[in-house]
Amino acid sequence: MFKQSKIDQEGNKRKAFEGVELTIAPHRIAFFKFILEGYDGLAILSTLDAGSGRVLLRFPACREDEVYKLTRALLQSGQLGKGCFMINRV
């Protein structure tokens, strides 16, 4: 049976999925989506505003560290464009 939320060892409810909104270079959206598809089940990228490069990443909470490590590496290396940044967590 599917559970709506997970409960950690301390009895606190956790979200099963997390999300983060980013702004990247608009011409790098397809590249980022392609990279994410190479990591089966890591994250789903949705475009919020193609013109400004706003995207939303949704991912299983248990893979949060992997998503942030990959995203940070791509941002720091400039592969997602210059002046890219994370906006907020969803």
PDB file of N, CA and C in Angstrom:
ATOM      1  N   MET A   1       0.839  -1.193   0.000  1.00  0.00           N
ATOM      2  CA  MET A   1       0.000   0.000   0.000  1.00  0.00           C
ATOM      3  C   MET A   1       0.876   1.247   0.000  1.00  0.00           C
ATOM      4  N   PHE A   2       0.521   2.248  -0.769  1.00  0.00           N
ATOM      5  CA  PHE A   2       1.276   3.492  -0.866  1.00  0.00           C
ATOM      6  C   PHE A   2       0.992   4.370   0.348  1.00  0.00           C
ATOM      7  N   LYS A   3       2.047   4.871   0.957  1.00  0.00           N
ATOM      8  CA  LYS A   3       1.891   5.765   2.105  1.00  0.00           C
ATOM      9  C   LYS A   3       2.089   7.205   1.649  1.00  0.00           C
ATOM     10  N   GLN A   4       1.247   8.096   2.092  1.00  0.00           N
ATOM     11  CA  GLN A   4       1.318   9.504   1.717  1.00  0.00           C
ATOM     12  C   GLN A   4       2.563  10.191   2.253  1.00  0.00           C
ATOM     13  N   SER A   5       2.953   9.866   3.458  1.00  0.00           N
ATOM     14  CA  SER A   5       4.143  10.484   4.037  1.00  0.00           C
ATOM     15  C   SER A   5       4.920   9.445   4.818  1.00  0.00           C
ATOM     16  N   LYS A   6       6.204   9.703   4.952  1.00  0.00           N
ATOM     17  CA  LYS A   6       7.054   8.801   5.707  1.00  0.00           C
ATOM     18  C   LYS A   6       7.233   9.358   7.109  1.00  0.00           C
ATOM     19  N   ILE A   7       7.547   8.477   8.030  1.00  0.00           N
ATOM     20  CA  ILE A   7       7.796   8.896   9.408  1.00  0.00           C
ATOM     21  C   ILE A   7       9.211   8.474   9.760  1.00  0.00           C
ATOM     22  N   ASP A   8      10.016   9.417  10.248  1.00  0.00           N
ATOM     23  CA  ASP A   8      11.384   9.074  10.600  1.00  0.00           C
ATOM     24  C   ASP A   8      11.435   8.377  11.954  1.00  0.00           C
ATOM     25  N   GLN A   9      12.616   8.022  12.397  1.00  0.00           N
ATOM     26  CA  GLN A   9      12.781   7.253  13.627  1.00  0.00           C
ATOM     27  C   GLN A   9      12.286   8.000  14.854  1.00  0.00           C
ATOM     28  N   GLU A  10      12.245   9.315  14.795  1.00  0.00           N
ATOM     29  CA  GLU A  10      11.790  10.117  15.931  1.00  0.00           C
ATOM     30  C   GLU A  10      10.288  10.369  15.900  1.00  0.00           C
ATOM     31  N   GLY A  11       9.606   9.819  14.911  1.00  0.00           N
ATOM     32  CA  GLY A  11       8.159   9.978  14.824  1.00  0.00           C
ATOM     33  C   GLY A  11       7.714  11.228  14.094  1.00  0.00           C
ATOM     34  N   ASN A  12       8.641  11.962  13.477  1.00  0.00           N
ATOM     35  CA  ASN A  12       8.291  13.163  12.724  1.00  0.00           C
ATOM     36  C   ASN A  12       7.932  12.788  11.299  1.00  0.00           C
ATOM     37  N   LYS A  13       6.906  13.430  10.758  1.00  0.00           N
ATOM     38  CA  LYS A  13       6.525  13.170   9.366  1.00  0.00           C
ATOM     39  C   LYS A  13       7.511  13.855   8.438  1.00  0.00           C
ATOM     40  N   ARG A  14       7.876  13.142   7.375  1.00  0.00           N
ATOM     41  CA  ARG A  14       8.744  13.691   6.337  1.00  0.00           C
ATOM     42  C   ARG A  14       8.014  13.601   5.009  1.00  0.00           C
ATOM     43  N   LYS A  15       8.347  14.505   4.107  1.00  0.00           N
ATOM     44  CA  LYS A  15       7.782  14.438   2.775  1.00  0.00           C
ATOM     45  C   LYS A  15       8.474  13.320   2.004  1.00  0.00           C
ATOM     46  N   ALA A  16       7.716  12.603   1.182  1.00  0.00           N
ATOM     47  CA  ALA A  16       8.299  11.560   0.343  1.00  0.00           C
ATOM     48  C   ALA A  16       9.061  12.175  -0.823  1.00  0.00           C
ATOM     49  N   PHE A  17       8.614  13.355  -1.281  1.00  0.00           N
ATOM     50  CA  PHE A  17       9.269  14.032  -2.388  1.00  0.00           C
ATOM     51  C   PHE A  17       9.624  15.451  -1.990  1.00  0.00           C
ATOM     52  N   GLU A  18      10.706  15.941  -2.562  1.00  0.00           N
ATOM     53  CA  GLU A  18      11.164  17.307  -2.351  1.00  0.00           C
ATOM     54  C   GLU A  18      11.169  18.010  -3.696  1.00  0.00           C
ATOM     55  N   GLY A  19      11.324  19.305  -3.649  1.00  0.00           N
ATOM     56  CA  GLY A  19      11.418  20.069  -4.884  1.00  0.00           C
ATOM     57  C   GLY A  19      12.276  21.296  -4.671  1.00  0.00           C
ATOM     58  N   VAL A  20      12.885  21.737  -5.752  1.00  0.00           N
ATOM     59  CA  VAL A  20      13.680  22.960  -5.704  1.00  0.00           C
ATOM     60  C   VAL A  20      13.510  23.689  -7.034  1.00  0.00           C
ATOM     61  N   GLU A  21      13.389  24.997  -6.935  1.00  0.00           N
ATOM     62  CA  GLU A  21      13.247  25.836  -8.119  1.00  0.00           C
ATOM     63  C   GLU A  21      14.604  26.465  -8.416  1.00  0.00           C
ATOM     64  N   LEU A  22      14.987  26.449  -9.689  1.00  0.00           N
ATOM     65  CA  LEU A  22      16.267  27.013 -10.110  1.00  0.00           C
ATOM     66  C   LEU A  22      16.074  27.941 -11.289  1.00  0.00           C
ATOM     67  N   THR A  23      17.032  28.821 -11.463  1.00  0.00           N
ATOM     68  CA  THR A  23      17.108  29.615 -12.677  1.00  0.00           C
ATOM     69  C   THR A  23      18.425  29.256 -13.342  1.00  0.00           C
ATOM     70  N   ILE A  24      18.334  28.782 -14.581  1.00  0.00           N
ATOM     71  CA  ILE A  24      19.519  28.428 -15.349  1.00  0.00           C
ATOM     72  C   ILE A  24      19.435  29.128 -16.697  1.00  0.00           C
ATOM     73  N   ALA A  25      20.492  29.034 -17.482  1.00  0.00           N
ATOM     74  CA  ALA A  25      20.466  29.635 -18.814  1.00  0.00           C
ATOM     75  C   ALA A  25      19.382  28.928 -19.633  1.00  0.00           C
ATOM     76  N   PRO A  26      18.484  29.691 -20.253  1.00  0.00           N
ATOM     77  CA  PRO A  26      17.385  29.073 -21.011  1.00  0.00           C
ATOM     78  C   PRO A  26      17.846  28.046 -22.046  1.00  0.00           C
ATOM     79  N   HIS A  27      18.972  28.298 -22.696  1.00  0.00           N
ATOM     80  CA  HIS A  27      19.444  27.367 -23.718  1.00  0.00           C
ATOM     81  C   HIS A  27      20.071  26.101 -23.118  1.00  0.00           C
ATOM     82  N   ARG A  28      20.163  26.008 -21.791  1.00  0.00           N
ATOM     83  CA  ARG A  28      20.734  24.838 -21.130  1.00  0.00           C
ATOM     84  C   ARG A  28      19.667  23.936 -20.499  1.00  0.00           C
ATOM     85  N   ILE A  29      18.392  24.275 -20.644  1.00  0.00           N
ATOM     86  CA  ILE A  29      17.317  23.471 -20.048  1.00  0.00           C
ATOM     87  C   ILE A  29      17.317  22.057 -20.611  1.00  0.00           C
ATOM     88  N   ALA A  30      17.378  21.912 -21.915  1.00  0.00           N
ATOM     89  CA  ALA A  30      17.371  20.579 -22.535  1.00  0.00           C
ATOM     90  C   ALA A  30      18.595  19.775 -22.106  1.00  0.00           C
ATOM     91  N   PHE A  31      19.754  20.426 -22.019  1.00  0.00           N
ATOM     92  CA  PHE A  31      20.967  19.751 -21.560  1.00  0.00           C
ATOM     93  C   PHE A  31      20.790  19.210 -20.143  1.00  0.00           C
ATOM     94  N   PHE A  32      20.260  20.042 -19.244  1.00  0.00           N
ATOM     95  CA  PHE A  32      20.065  19.644 -17.848  1.00  0.00           C
ATOM     96  C   PHE A  32      19.097  18.471 -17.765  1.00  0.00           C
ATOM     97  N   LYS A  33      18.021  18.545 -18.529  1.00  0.00           N
ATOM     98  CA  LYS A  33      17.043  17.450 -18.546  1.00  0.00           C
ATOM     99  C   LYS A  33      17.698  16.161 -19.052  1.00  0.00           C
ATOM    100  N   PHE A  34      18.529  16.261 -20.075  1.00  0.00           N
ATOM    101  CA  PHE A  34      19.242  15.113 -20.628  1.00  0.00           C
ATOM    102  C   PHE A  34      20.168  14.492 -19.575  1.00  0.00           C
ATOM    103  N   ILE A  35      20.892  15.317 -18.855  1.00  0.00           N
ATOM    104  CA  ILE A  35      21.794  14.822 -17.802  1.00  0.00           C
ATOM    105  C   ILE A  35      20.994  14.090 -16.727  1.00  0.00           C
ATOM    106  N   LEU A  36      19.895  14.671 -16.288  1.00  0.00           N
ATOM    107  CA  LEU A  36      19.072  14.053 -15.245  1.00  0.00           C
ATOM    108  C   LEU A  36      18.490  12.718 -15.695  1.00  0.00           C
ATOM    109  N   GLU A  37      18.144  12.609 -16.962  1.00  0.00           N
ATOM    110  CA  GLU A  37      17.589  11.352 -17.476  1.00  0.00           C
ATOM    111  C   GLU A  37      18.609  10.221 -17.420  1.00  0.00           C
ATOM    112  N   GLY A  38      19.889  10.560 -17.403  1.00  0.00           N
ATOM    113  CA  GLY A  38      20.947   9.563 -17.301  1.00  0.00           C
ATOM    114  C   GLY A  38      21.034   8.924 -15.925  1.00  0.00           C
ATOM    115  N   TYR A  39      20.434   9.556 -14.944  1.00  0.00           N
ATOM    116  CA  TYR A  39      20.410   9.042 -13.577  1.00  0.00           C
ATOM    117  C   TYR A  39      18.992   8.557 -13.297  1.00  0.00           C
ATOM    118  N   ASP A  40      18.685   7.314 -13.632  1.00  0.00           N
ATOM    119  CA  ASP A  40      17.326   6.782 -13.505  1.00  0.00           C
ATOM    120  C   ASP A  40      16.709   7.082 -12.145  1.00  0.00           C
ATOM    121  N   GLY A  41      15.564   7.734 -12.181  1.00  0.00           N
ATOM    122  CA  GLY A  41      14.802   7.992 -10.966  1.00  0.00           C
ATOM    123  C   GLY A  41      15.370   9.059 -10.062  1.00  0.00           C
ATOM    124  N   LEU A  42      16.383   9.790 -10.514  1.00  0.00           N
ATOM    125  CA  LEU A  42      16.987  10.797  -9.640  1.00  0.00           C
ATOM    126  C   LEU A  42      16.084  12.010  -9.478  1.00  0.00           C
ATOM    127  N   ALA A  43      15.631  12.575 -10.576  1.00  0.00           N
ATOM    128  CA  ALA A  43      14.812  13.789 -10.495  1.00  0.00           C
ATOM    129  C   ALA A  43      14.030  13.980 -11.791  1.00  0.00           C
ATOM    130  N   ILE A  44      12.967  14.753 -11.673  1.00  0.00           N
ATOM    131  CA  ILE A  44      12.155  15.139 -12.823  1.00  0.00           C
ATOM    132  C   ILE A  44      12.271  16.649 -12.963  1.00  0.00           C
ATOM    133  N   LEU A  45      12.594  17.106 -14.163  1.00  0.00           N
ATOM    134  CA  LEU A  45      12.723  18.527 -14.419  1.00  0.00           C
ATOM    135  C   LEU A  45      11.489  19.012 -15.164  1.00  0.00           C
ATOM    136  N   SER A  46      10.876  20.062 -14.657  1.00  0.00           N
ATOM    137  CA  SER A  46       9.743  20.713 -15.322  1.00  0.00           C
ATOM    138  C   SER A  46      10.129  22.161 -15.587  1.00  0.00           C
ATOM    139  N   THR A  47       9.814  22.633 -16.762  1.00  0.00           N
ATOM    140  CA  THR A  47      10.106  24.027 -17.114  1.00  0.00           C
ATOM    141  C   THR A  47       8.958  24.902 -16.635  1.00  0.00           C
ATOM    142  N   LEU A  48       9.280  25.900 -15.836  1.00  0.00           N
ATOM    143  CA  LEU A  48       8.278  26.849 -15.345  1.00  0.00           C
ATOM    144  C   LEU A  48       8.159  28.046 -16.285  1.00  0.00           C
ATOM    145  N   ASP A  49       9.303  28.543 -16.759  1.00  0.00           N
ATOM    146  CA  ASP A  49       9.322  29.675 -17.692  1.00  0.00           C
ATOM    147  C   ASP A  49      10.566  29.529 -18.566  1.00  0.00           C
ATOM    148  N   ALA A  50      10.367  29.056 -19.777  1.00  0.00           N
ATOM    149  CA  ALA A  50      11.499  28.784 -20.673  1.00  0.00           C
ATOM    150  C   ALA A  50      12.288  30.045 -21.003  1.00  0.00           C
ATOM    151  N   GLY A  51      11.601  31.160 -21.145  1.00  0.00           N
ATOM    152  CA  GLY A  51      12.265  32.412 -21.515  1.00  0.00           C
ATOM    153  C   GLY A  51      13.252  32.906 -20.490  1.00  0.00           C
ATOM    154  N   SER A  52      12.928  32.702 -19.211  1.00  0.00           N
ATOM    155  CA  SER A  52      13.831  33.163 -18.149  1.00  0.00           C
ATOM    156  C   SER A  52      14.678  32.025 -17.579  1.00  0.00           C
ATOM    157  N   GLY A  53      14.440  30.787 -18.017  1.00  0.00           N
ATOM    158  CA  GLY A  53      15.229  29.655 -17.539  1.00  0.00           C
ATOM    159  C   GLY A  53      14.810  29.111 -16.182  1.00  0.00           C
ATOM    160  N   ARG A  54      13.590  29.431 -15.745  1.00  0.00           N
ATOM    161  CA  ARG A  54      13.104  28.923 -14.452  1.00  0.00           C
ATOM    162  C   ARG A  54      12.623  27.489 -14.611  1.00  0.00           C
ATOM    163  N   VAL A  55      13.194  26.591 -13.790  1.00  0.00           N
ATOM    164  CA  VAL A  55      12.833  25.178 -13.825  1.00  0.00           C
ATOM    165  C   VAL A  55      12.552  24.689 -12.409  1.00  0.00           C
ATOM    166  N   LEU A  56      11.832  23.585 -12.351  1.00  0.00           N
ATOM    167  CA  LEU A  56      11.505  22.961 -11.073  1.00  0.00           C
ATOM    168  C   LEU A  56      12.028  21.532 -11.101  1.00  0.00           C
ATOM    169  N   LEU A  57      12.787  21.168 -10.089  1.00  0.00           N
ATOM    170  CA  LEU A  57      13.258  19.796  -9.928  1.00  0.00           C
ATOM    171  C   LEU A  57      12.451  19.153  -8.815  1.00  0.00           C
ATOM    172  N   ARG A  58      11.905  17.982  -9.080  1.00  0.00           N
ATOM    173  CA  ARG A  58      11.224  17.186  -8.056  1.00  0.00           C
ATOM    174  C   ARG A  58      11.970  15.874  -7.958  1.00  0.00           C
ATOM    175  N   PHE A  59      12.151  15.408  -6.711  1.00  0.00           N
ATOM    176  CA  PHE A  59      12.963  14.217  -6.510  1.00  0.00           C
ATOM    177  C   PHE A  59      12.566  13.523  -5.215  1.00  0.00           C
ATOM    178  N   PRO A  60      12.835  12.210  -5.133  1.00  0.00           N
ATOM    179  CA  PRO A  60      12.547  11.487  -3.890  1.00  0.00           C
ATOM    180  C   PRO A  60      13.403  12.059  -2.761  1.00  0.00           C
ATOM    181  N   ALA A  61      12.813  12.232  -1.603  1.00  0.00           N
ATOM    182  CA  ALA A  61      13.531  12.806  -0.461  1.00  0.00           C
ATOM    183  C   ALA A  61      14.793  12.011  -0.129  1.00  0.00           C
ATOM    184  N   CYS A  62      14.760  10.719  -0.353  1.00  0.00           N
ATOM    185  CA  CYS A  62      15.919   9.879  -0.025  1.00  0.00           C
ATOM    186  C   CYS A  62      17.101  10.118  -0.971  1.00  0.00           C
ATOM    187  N   ARG A  63      16.898  10.832  -2.074  1.00  0.00           N
ATOM    188  CA  ARG A  63      17.978  11.098  -3.035  1.00  0.00           C
ATOM    189  C   ARG A  63      18.372  12.571  -3.067  1.00  0.00           C
ATOM    190  N   GLU A  64      17.948  13.300  -2.037  1.00  0.00           N
ATOM    191  CA  GLU A  64      18.204  14.736  -1.967  1.00  0.00           C
ATOM    192  C   GLU A  64      19.699  15.072  -2.061  1.00  0.00           C
ATOM    193  N   ASP A  65      20.536  14.355  -1.333  1.00  0.00           N
ATOM    194  CA  ASP A  65      21.972  14.638  -1.363  1.00  0.00           C
ATOM    195  C   ASP A  65      22.548  14.490  -2.765  1.00  0.00           C
ATOM    196  N   GLU A  66      22.154  13.442  -3.465  1.00  0.00           N
ATOM    197  CA  GLU A  66      22.647  13.217  -4.830  1.00  0.00           C
ATOM    198  C   GLU A  66      22.231  14.352  -5.761  1.00  0.00           C
ATOM    199  N   VAL A  67      20.973  14.775  -5.641  1.00  0.00           N
ATOM    200  CA  VAL A  67      20.466  15.846  -6.499  1.00  0.00           C
ATOM    201  C   VAL A  67      21.245  17.128  -6.249  1.00  0.00           C
ATOM    202  N   TYR A  68      21.460  17.476  -4.978  1.00  0.00           N
ATOM    203  CA  TYR A  68      22.168  18.716  -4.668  1.00  0.00           C
ATOM    204  C   TYR A  68      23.632  18.646  -5.080  1.00  0.00           C
ATOM    205  N   LYS A  69      24.278  17.497  -4.923  1.00  0.00           N
ATOM    206  CA  LYS A  69      25.680  17.365  -5.345  1.00  0.00           C
ATOM    207  C   LYS A  69      25.812  17.536  -6.852  1.00  0.00           C
ATOM    208  N   LEU A  70      24.944  16.874  -7.612  1.00  0.00           N
ATOM    209  CA  LEU A  70      24.988  16.980  -9.068  1.00  0.00           C
ATOM    210  C   LEU A  70      24.674  18.401  -9.519  1.00  0.00           C
ATOM    211  N   THR A  71      23.621  18.983  -8.973  1.00  0.00           N
ATOM    212  CA  THR A  71      23.214  20.329  -9.370  1.00  0.00           C
ATOM    213  C   THR A  71      24.293  21.348  -9.033  1.00  0.00           C
ATOM    214  N   ARG A  72      24.857  21.264  -7.825  1.00  0.00           N
ATOM    215  CA  ARG A  72      25.934  22.182  -7.435  1.00  0.00           C
ATOM    216  C   ARG A  72      27.132  22.052  -8.376  1.00  0.00           C
ATOM    217  N   ALA A  73      27.501  20.813  -8.701  1.00  0.00           N
ATOM    218  CA  ALA A  73      28.645  20.592  -9.598  1.00  0.00           C
ATOM    219  C   ALA A  73      28.396  21.222 -10.962  1.00  0.00           C
ATOM    220  N   LEU A  74      27.184  21.059 -11.497  1.00  0.00           N
ATOM    221  CA  LEU A  74      26.856  21.645 -12.798  1.00  0.00           C
ATOM    222  C   LEU A  74      26.817  23.169 -12.731  1.00  0.00           C
ATOM    223  N   LEU A  75      26.287  23.705 -11.641  1.00  0.00           N
ATOM    224  CA  LEU A  75      26.237  25.163 -11.473  1.00  0.00           C
ATOM    225  C   LEU A  75      27.645  25.745 -11.347  1.00  0.00           C
ATOM    226  N   GLN A  76      28.469  25.135 -10.492  1.00  0.00           N
ATOM    227  CA  GLN A  76      29.816  25.653 -10.246  1.00  0.00           C
ATOM    228  C   GLN A  76      30.711  25.551 -11.473  1.00  0.00           C
ATOM    229  N   SER A  77      30.497  24.528 -12.292  1.00  0.00           N
ATOM    230  CA  SER A  77      31.324  24.362 -13.481  1.00  0.00           C
ATOM    231  C   SER A  77      30.877  25.260 -14.634  1.00  0.00           C
ATOM    232  N   GLY A  78      29.733  25.913 -14.468  1.00  0.00           N
ATOM    233  CA  GLY A  78      29.222  26.801 -15.499  1.00  0.00           C
ATOM    234  C   GLY A  78      28.464  26.096 -16.613  1.00  0.00           C
ATOM    235  N   GLN A  79      28.222  24.800 -16.464  1.00  0.00           N
ATOM    236  CA  GLN A  79      27.549  24.052 -17.519  1.00  0.00           C
ATOM    237  C   GLN A  79      26.063  24.374 -17.643  1.00  0.00           C
ATOM    238  N   LEU A  80      25.511  25.054 -16.646  1.00  0.00           N
ATOM    239  CA  LEU A  80      24.107  25.465 -16.724  1.00  0.00           C
ATOM    240  C   LEU A  80      23.993  26.949 -17.048  1.00  0.00           C
ATOM    241  N   GLY A  81      25.111  27.562 -17.393  1.00  0.00           N
ATOM    242  CA  GLY A  81      25.138  28.973 -17.744  1.00  0.00           C
ATOM    243  C   GLY A  81      25.708  29.817 -16.623  1.00  0.00           C
ATOM    244  N   LYS A  82      25.996  31.062 -16.935  1.00  0.00           N
ATOM    245  CA  LYS A  82      26.543  31.991 -15.941  1.00  0.00           C
ATOM    246  C   LYS A  82      25.407  32.652 -15.171  1.00  0.00           C
ATOM    247  N   GLY A  83      25.634  32.926 -13.908  1.00  0.00           N
ATOM    248  CA  GLY A  83      24.641  33.611 -13.095  1.00  0.00           C
ATOM    249  C   GLY A  83      23.455  32.759 -12.718  1.00  0.00           C
ATOM    250  N   CYS A  84      23.622  31.442 -12.735  1.00  0.00           N
ATOM    251  CA  CYS A  84      22.536  30.543 -12.364  1.00  0.00           C
ATOM    252  C   CYS A  84      22.487  30.373 -10.864  1.00  0.00           C
ATOM    253  N   PHE A  85      21.302  30.100 -10.340  1.00  0.00           N
ATOM    254  CA  PHE A  85      21.177  29.961  -8.892  1.00  0.00           C
ATOM    255  C   PHE A  85      19.911  29.205  -8.522  1.00  0.00           C
ATOM    256  N   MET A  86      19.900  28.696  -7.291  1.00  0.00           N
ATOM    257  CA  MET A  86      18.713  28.061  -6.745  1.00  0.00           C
ATOM    258  C   MET A  86      17.831  29.150  -6.153  1.00  0.00           C
ATOM    259  N   ILE A  87      16.564  29.109  -6.473  1.00  0.00           N
ATOM    260  CA  ILE A  87      15.637  30.118  -5.978  1.00  0.00           C
ATOM    261  C   ILE A  87      15.105  29.734  -4.610  1.00  0.00           C
ATOM    262  N   ASN A  88      14.451  28.600  -4.531  1.00  0.00           N
ATOM    263  CA  ASN A  88      13.909  28.153  -3.241  1.00  0.00           C
ATOM    264  C   ASN A  88      13.496  26.699  -3.292  1.00  0.00           C
ATOM    265  N   ARG A  89      13.296  26.160  -2.121  1.00  0.00           N
ATOM    266  CA  ARG A  89      12.797  24.796  -2.001  1.00  0.00           C
ATOM    267  C   ARG A  89      11.295  24.828  -2.047  1.00  0.00           C
ATOM    268  N   VAL A  90      10.725  23.813  -2.631  1.00  0.00           N
ATOM    269  CA  VAL A  90       9.268  23.736  -2.757  1.00  0.00           C
ATOM    270  C   VAL A  90       8.740  22.695  -1.787  1.00  0.00           C
TER     271      VAL A  90
END
